[in-house]
Amino acid sequence: MKILIIDDDEEITKMVTKFFKHKGYECSFANDGKTGVSMINNQRFDIVLLDMNMPEFNGYDVLDSLKKNGKIRDQKIIIFSVLPTPDEKLQNLIKDGVHSSIDKPLQLNELLKSVQNAYGQERR
């Protein structure tokens, strides 16, 4: 399974990448939204982990770009944020193609369960 992590916090992308690689997943990352969209446009990922609160081109911009170019339905996207996403906004994001949401600070085992759930498999 190929996972893309899009988060402006390099420490988070390094930690999450290392965790998933240790679990046997193929992992790539982008530290800004524009690079993340470019990677999605040029490669196939099974799961995209997307931080919503990034400077300049944030998670909502990424989702809008993927929606406009028709790529949003090709991805299983799990969003995360320090700020909780209001239920109504989350429901709209889910209608647009987001799979689920997780709060920061990230709990790696919870994130792993979300990825497994989104992908529809259990891995050990």
N, C-alpha and C. Protein backbone atom coordinates (compact mmCIF):
# COMPACT_ATOMS: atom_id res chain seq x y z
N MET A 1 0.85 -1.17 0.00
CA MET A 1 0.00 0.00 0.00
C MET A 1 0.90 1.24 0.00
N LYS A 2 0.53 2.22 -0.83
CA LYS A 2 1.27 3.48 -0.93
C LYS A 2 0.51 4.58 -0.19
N ILE A 3 1.23 5.24 0.71
CA ILE A 3 0.65 6.32 1.51
C ILE A 3 1.39 7.61 1.20
N LEU A 4 0.63 8.70 1.05
CA LEU A 4 1.20 10.03 0.92
C LEU A 4 0.79 10.85 2.13
N ILE A 5 1.77 11.46 2.79
CA ILE A 5 1.52 12.33 3.93
C ILE A 5 1.78 13.76 3.49
N ILE A 6 0.79 14.63 3.67
CA ILE A 6 0.94 16.04 3.33
C ILE A 6 0.78 16.84 4.61
N ASP A 7 1.88 17.40 5.09
CA ASP A 7 1.88 18.17 6.34
C ASP A 7 3.07 19.11 6.30
N ASP A 8 2.88 20.35 6.73
CA ASP A 8 3.96 21.33 6.71
C ASP A 8 4.97 21.12 7.84
N ASP A 9 4.63 20.31 8.82
CA ASP A 9 5.52 20.05 9.95
C ASP A 9 6.45 18.88 9.60
N GLU A 10 7.71 19.19 9.32
CA GLU A 10 8.65 18.17 8.90
C GLU A 10 8.85 17.08 9.94
N GLU A 11 8.78 17.43 11.22
CA GLU A 11 8.93 16.43 12.27
C GLU A 11 7.79 15.40 12.20
N ILE A 12 6.58 15.88 11.93
CA ILE A 12 5.44 14.96 11.82
C ILE A 12 5.60 14.07 10.60
N THR A 13 5.97 14.65 9.46
CA THR A 13 6.10 13.81 8.26
C THR A 13 7.20 12.77 8.44
N LYS A 14 8.30 13.14 9.07
CA LYS A 14 9.38 12.17 9.31
C LYS A 14 8.91 11.06 10.25
N MET A 15 8.25 11.43 11.34
CA MET A 15 7.79 10.46 12.33
C MET A 15 6.77 9.50 11.72
N VAL A 16 5.77 10.03 11.03
CA VAL A 16 4.72 9.20 10.46
C VAL A 16 5.26 8.32 9.33
N THR A 17 6.15 8.88 8.51
CA THR A 17 6.77 8.10 7.44
C THR A 17 7.56 6.92 8.02
N LYS A 18 8.36 7.19 9.02
CA LYS A 18 9.16 6.13 9.67
C LYS A 18 8.25 5.06 10.26
N PHE A 19 7.18 5.48 10.93
CA PHE A 19 6.24 4.55 11.55
C PHE A 19 5.62 3.62 10.50
N PHE A 20 5.11 4.19 9.41
CA PHE A 20 4.45 3.37 8.39
C PHE A 20 5.44 2.50 7.62
N LYS A 21 6.64 3.00 7.37
CA LYS A 21 7.65 2.16 6.72
C LYS A 21 8.00 0.97 7.60
N HIS A 22 8.10 1.21 8.90
CA HIS A 22 8.38 0.13 9.86
C HIS A 22 7.26 -0.92 9.84
N LYS A 23 6.05 -0.48 9.57
CA LYS A 23 4.89 -1.40 9.50
C LYS A 23 4.77 -2.07 8.13
N GLY A 24 5.68 -1.75 7.20
CA GLY A 24 5.69 -2.40 5.90
C GLY A 24 4.97 -1.67 4.78
N TYR A 25 4.60 -0.43 5.01
CA TYR A 25 3.93 0.37 3.99
C TYR A 25 4.94 1.18 3.19
N GLU A 26 4.61 1.49 1.94
CA GLU A 26 5.41 2.40 1.14
C GLU A 26 4.90 3.81 1.44
N CYS A 27 5.82 4.71 1.75
CA CYS A 27 5.40 6.04 2.21
C CYS A 27 6.17 7.14 1.51
N SER A 28 5.45 8.19 1.11
CA SER A 28 6.05 9.41 0.58
C SER A 28 5.44 10.58 1.34
N PHE A 29 6.10 11.73 1.24
CA PHE A 29 5.54 12.89 1.92
C PHE A 29 5.80 14.16 1.14
N ALA A 30 4.98 15.16 1.44
CA ALA A 30 5.14 16.51 0.92
C ALA A 30 4.96 17.46 2.10
N ASN A 31 5.80 18.49 2.16
CA ASN A 31 5.70 19.43 3.26
C ASN A 31 4.95 20.70 2.90
N ASP A 32 4.21 20.66 1.78
CA ASP A 32 3.30 21.75 1.45
C ASP A 32 2.21 21.20 0.52
N GLY A 33 1.10 21.91 0.47
CA GLY A 33 -0.06 21.44 -0.28
C GLY A 33 0.15 21.37 -1.78
N LYS A 34 0.84 22.35 -2.35
CA LYS A 34 1.05 22.36 -3.80
C LYS A 34 1.88 21.17 -4.25
N THR A 35 2.93 20.86 -3.50
CA THR A 35 3.74 19.69 -3.83
C THR A 35 2.91 18.42 -3.69
N GLY A 36 2.08 18.36 -2.66
CA GLY A 36 1.21 17.20 -2.46
C GLY A 36 0.27 16.98 -3.63
N VAL A 37 -0.35 18.04 -4.12
CA VAL A 37 -1.26 17.93 -5.27
C VAL A 37 -0.49 17.45 -6.50
N SER A 38 0.69 18.00 -6.70
CA SER A 38 1.52 17.59 -7.84
C SER A 38 1.85 16.10 -7.75
N MET A 39 2.18 15.64 -6.57
CA MET A 39 2.49 14.21 -6.39
C MET A 39 1.27 13.34 -6.69
N ILE A 40 0.10 13.77 -6.23
CA ILE A 40 -1.14 13.01 -6.48
C ILE A 40 -1.45 12.99 -7.97
N ASN A 41 -1.18 14.09 -8.66
CA ASN A 41 -1.44 14.16 -10.10
C ASN A 41 -0.51 13.26 -10.91
N ASN A 42 0.68 12.97 -10.36
CA ASN A 42 1.68 12.23 -11.10
C ASN A 42 1.91 10.80 -10.62
N GLN A 43 1.32 10.42 -9.50
CA GLN A 43 1.50 9.08 -8.94
C GLN A 43 0.18 8.57 -8.40
N ARG A 44 0.14 7.28 -8.15
CA ARG A 44 -1.06 6.67 -7.56
C ARG A 44 -0.76 6.35 -6.10
N PHE A 45 -1.59 6.85 -5.21
CA PHE A 45 -1.49 6.55 -3.78
C PHE A 45 -2.78 5.88 -3.33
N ASP A 46 -2.65 4.93 -2.42
CA ASP A 46 -3.82 4.26 -1.88
C ASP A 46 -4.49 5.10 -0.80
N ILE A 47 -3.68 5.80 -0.02
CA ILE A 47 -4.17 6.63 1.08
C ILE A 47 -3.41 7.96 1.07
N VAL A 48 -4.14 9.05 1.31
CA VAL A 48 -3.52 10.37 1.48
C VAL A 48 -3.87 10.85 2.88
N LEU A 49 -2.85 11.15 3.68
CA LEU A 49 -3.02 11.73 5.01
C LEU A 49 -2.76 13.23 4.86
N LEU A 50 -3.77 14.04 5.13
CA LEU A 50 -3.73 15.46 4.79
C LEU A 50 -3.97 16.35 5.99
N ASP A 51 -2.96 17.18 6.29
CA ASP A 51 -3.09 18.21 7.32
C ASP A 51 -3.92 19.35 6.75
N MET A 52 -4.90 19.79 7.49
CA MET A 52 -5.78 20.85 7.00
C MET A 52 -5.23 22.25 7.26
N ASN A 53 -4.38 22.41 8.26
CA ASN A 53 -3.88 23.73 8.65
C ASN A 53 -2.43 23.92 8.25
N MET A 54 -2.23 24.25 6.98
CA MET A 54 -0.89 24.55 6.47
C MET A 54 -0.90 25.98 5.96
N PRO A 55 0.25 26.64 6.01
CA PRO A 55 0.30 28.01 5.47
C PRO A 55 0.16 28.00 3.95
N GLU A 56 -0.28 29.10 3.41
CA GLU A 56 -0.43 29.33 1.98
C GLU A 56 -1.44 28.39 1.32
N PHE A 57 -1.05 27.20 0.94
CA PHE A 57 -1.93 26.26 0.23
C PHE A 57 -2.32 25.17 1.22
N ASN A 58 -3.44 25.39 1.95
CA ASN A 58 -3.82 24.50 3.06
C ASN A 58 -4.58 23.26 2.57
N GLY A 59 -5.01 22.45 3.52
CA GLY A 59 -5.72 21.22 3.18
C GLY A 59 -6.99 21.45 2.39
N TYR A 60 -7.71 22.52 2.69
CA TYR A 60 -8.93 22.82 1.93
C TYR A 60 -8.59 23.17 0.48
N ASP A 61 -7.47 23.87 0.29
CA ASP A 61 -7.01 24.18 -1.07
C ASP A 61 -6.64 22.89 -1.82
N VAL A 62 -5.99 21.97 -1.12
CA VAL A 62 -5.65 20.68 -1.73
C VAL A 62 -6.92 19.97 -2.16
N LEU A 63 -7.90 19.90 -1.26
CA LEU A 63 -9.16 19.22 -1.58
C LEU A 63 -9.87 19.89 -2.75
N ASP A 64 -9.90 21.23 -2.76
CA ASP A 64 -10.53 21.95 -3.87
C ASP A 64 -9.84 21.64 -5.19
N SER A 65 -8.52 21.61 -5.18
CA SER A 65 -7.76 21.32 -6.39
C SER A 65 -8.05 19.90 -6.88
N LEU A 66 -8.09 18.95 -5.96
CA LEU A 66 -8.38 17.56 -6.34
C LEU A 66 -9.82 17.41 -6.84
N LYS A 67 -10.71 18.19 -6.26
CA LYS A 67 -12.11 18.16 -6.71
C LYS A 67 -12.22 18.71 -8.13
N LYS A 68 -11.54 19.82 -8.39
CA LYS A 68 -11.60 20.46 -9.71
C LYS A 68 -11.02 19.58 -10.81
N ASN A 69 -9.93 18.86 -10.50
CA ASN A 69 -9.31 18.04 -11.54
C ASN A 69 -9.82 16.59 -11.55
N GLY A 70 -10.83 16.31 -10.71
CA GLY A 70 -11.46 15.00 -10.71
C GLY A 70 -10.68 13.90 -10.00
N LYS A 71 -9.62 14.25 -9.29
CA LYS A 71 -8.79 13.25 -8.61
C LYS A 71 -9.28 12.90 -7.21
N ILE A 72 -10.22 13.68 -6.67
CA ILE A 72 -10.61 13.46 -5.27
C ILE A 72 -11.25 12.09 -5.06
N ARG A 73 -11.99 11.61 -6.01
CA ARG A 73 -12.65 10.31 -5.88
C ARG A 73 -11.68 9.13 -6.08
N ASP A 74 -10.49 9.43 -6.63
CA ASP A 74 -9.49 8.38 -6.84
C ASP A 74 -8.68 8.11 -5.58
N GLN A 75 -8.85 8.94 -4.56
CA GLN A 75 -8.03 8.85 -3.35
C GLN A 75 -8.88 8.51 -2.13
N LYS A 76 -8.26 7.83 -1.20
CA LYS A 76 -8.86 7.68 0.13
C LYS A 76 -8.10 8.68 1.00
N ILE A 77 -8.81 9.72 1.41
CA ILE A 77 -8.17 10.82 2.11
C ILE A 77 -8.60 10.82 3.57
N ILE A 78 -7.60 10.88 4.44
CA ILE A 78 -7.84 11.03 5.88
C ILE A 78 -7.28 12.39 6.25
N ILE A 79 -8.13 13.27 6.75
CA ILE A 79 -7.68 14.60 7.14
C ILE A 79 -7.34 14.62 8.62
N PHE A 80 -6.42 15.52 8.98
CA PHE A 80 -6.12 15.71 10.40
C PHE A 80 -5.80 17.17 10.66
N SER A 81 -6.04 17.56 11.91
CA SER A 81 -5.89 18.96 12.27
C SER A 81 -5.81 19.11 13.78
N VAL A 82 -5.12 20.18 14.20
CA VAL A 82 -5.11 20.53 15.62
C VAL A 82 -6.49 21.05 16.03
N LEU A 83 -7.12 21.77 15.11
CA LEU A 83 -8.45 22.32 15.36
C LEU A 83 -9.50 21.30 14.94
N PRO A 84 -10.44 20.98 15.82
CA PRO A 84 -11.47 20.02 15.43
C PRO A 84 -12.29 20.53 14.24
N THR A 85 -12.63 19.63 13.34
CA THR A 85 -13.45 19.98 12.19
C THR A 85 -14.91 19.90 12.62
N PRO A 86 -15.67 21.00 12.49
CA PRO A 86 -17.09 20.95 12.88
C PRO A 86 -17.82 19.83 12.12
N ASP A 87 -18.76 19.18 12.80
CA ASP A 87 -19.47 18.03 12.22
C ASP A 87 -20.07 18.33 10.86
N GLU A 88 -20.72 19.50 10.73
CA GLU A 88 -21.36 19.84 9.45
C GLU A 88 -20.31 19.96 8.34
N LYS A 89 -19.19 20.60 8.63
CA LYS A 89 -18.12 20.75 7.65
C LYS A 89 -17.53 19.39 7.30
N LEU A 90 -17.34 18.54 8.31
CA LEU A 90 -16.81 17.20 8.07
C LEU A 90 -17.75 16.39 7.19
N GLN A 91 -19.04 16.49 7.44
CA GLN A 91 -20.01 15.76 6.61
C GLN A 91 -19.95 16.21 5.15
N ASN A 92 -19.77 17.51 4.94
CA ASN A 92 -19.62 18.03 3.57
C ASN A 92 -18.33 17.52 2.93
N LEU A 93 -17.25 17.47 3.71
CA LEU A 93 -15.98 16.95 3.19
C LEU A 93 -16.11 15.47 2.83
N ILE A 94 -16.82 14.73 3.65
CA ILE A 94 -17.04 13.30 3.38
C ILE A 94 -17.86 13.13 2.10
N LYS A 95 -18.87 13.97 1.91
CA LYS A 95 -19.64 13.92 0.66
C LYS A 95 -18.76 14.20 -0.55
N ASP A 96 -17.76 15.07 -0.36
CA ASP A 96 -16.85 15.42 -1.45
C ASP A 96 -15.80 14.35 -1.72
N GLY A 97 -15.63 13.41 -0.78
CA GLY A 97 -14.67 12.33 -1.03
C GLY A 97 -13.68 12.05 0.08
N VAL A 98 -13.71 12.83 1.16
CA VAL A 98 -12.82 12.55 2.30
C VAL A 98 -13.33 11.30 3.00
N HIS A 99 -12.41 10.42 3.39
CA HIS A 99 -12.82 9.18 4.05
C HIS A 99 -13.12 9.41 5.54
N SER A 100 -12.20 10.07 6.26
CA SER A 100 -12.39 10.26 7.69
C SER A 100 -11.49 11.38 8.20
N SER A 101 -11.61 11.64 9.49
CA SER A 101 -10.87 12.72 10.14
C SER A 101 -10.27 12.21 11.44
N ILE A 102 -9.10 12.72 11.77
CA ILE A 102 -8.44 12.37 13.03
C ILE A 102 -7.85 13.66 13.60
N ASP A 103 -7.86 13.79 14.91
CA ASP A 103 -7.36 15.00 15.55
C ASP A 103 -5.88 14.88 15.87
N LYS A 104 -5.21 16.03 15.84
CA LYS A 104 -3.84 16.13 16.33
C LYS A 104 -3.91 16.47 17.81
N PRO A 105 -2.97 16.11 18.62
CA PRO A 105 -1.76 15.41 18.23
C PRO A 105 -2.07 13.98 17.79
N LEU A 106 -1.35 13.53 16.77
CA LEU A 106 -1.60 12.22 16.20
C LEU A 106 -1.19 11.11 17.16
N GLN A 107 -2.07 10.16 17.30
CA GLN A 107 -1.77 8.93 18.01
C GLN A 107 -1.51 7.89 16.92
N LEU A 108 -0.28 7.41 16.82
CA LEU A 108 0.10 6.57 15.69
C LEU A 108 -0.74 5.31 15.55
N ASN A 109 -1.08 4.66 16.65
CA ASN A 109 -1.91 3.46 16.55
C ASN A 109 -3.32 3.78 16.06
N GLU A 110 -3.85 4.93 16.47
CA GLU A 110 -5.16 5.38 15.98
C GLU A 110 -5.09 5.71 14.49
N LEU A 111 -3.99 6.34 14.08
CA LEU A 111 -3.79 6.66 12.67
C LEU A 111 -3.68 5.37 11.85
N LEU A 112 -2.96 4.38 12.36
CA LEU A 112 -2.84 3.09 11.68
C LEU A 112 -4.21 2.45 11.51
N LYS A 113 -5.02 2.47 12.55
CA LYS A 113 -6.38 1.91 12.45
C LYS A 113 -7.21 2.64 11.40
N SER A 114 -7.08 3.97 11.34
CA SER A 114 -7.81 4.76 10.34
C SER A 114 -7.37 4.39 8.93
N VAL A 115 -6.07 4.21 8.74
CA VAL A 115 -5.54 3.82 7.43
C VAL A 115 -6.05 2.43 7.05
N GLN A 116 -5.99 1.49 7.99
CA GLN A 116 -6.47 0.13 7.73
C GLN A 116 -7.96 0.13 7.41
N ASN A 117 -8.71 0.93 8.13
CA ASN A 117 -10.15 1.04 7.89
C ASN A 117 -10.43 1.62 6.51
N ALA A 118 -9.71 2.67 6.16
CA ALA A 118 -9.90 3.31 4.85
C ALA A 118 -9.53 2.36 3.72
N TYR A 119 -8.49 1.59 3.92
CA TYR A 119 -8.02 0.69 2.88
C TYR A 119 -8.80 -0.63 2.88
N GLY A 120 -9.46 -0.91 4.01
CA GLY A 120 -10.27 -2.12 4.08
C GLY A 120 -9.49 -3.38 4.33
N GLN A 121 -8.41 -3.23 5.10
CA GLN A 121 -7.61 -4.42 5.42
C GLN A 121 -6.99 -4.27 6.78
N GLU A 122 -6.62 -5.38 7.36
CA GLU A 122 -5.88 -5.40 8.61
C GLU A 122 -4.45 -5.81 8.30
N ARG A 123 -3.50 -5.06 8.84
CA ARG A 123 -2.09 -5.46 8.71
C ARG A 123 -1.48 -5.47 10.09
N ARG A 124 -0.53 -6.29 10.30
CA ARG A 124 0.13 -6.39 11.61
C ARG A 124 1.56 -5.94 11.51
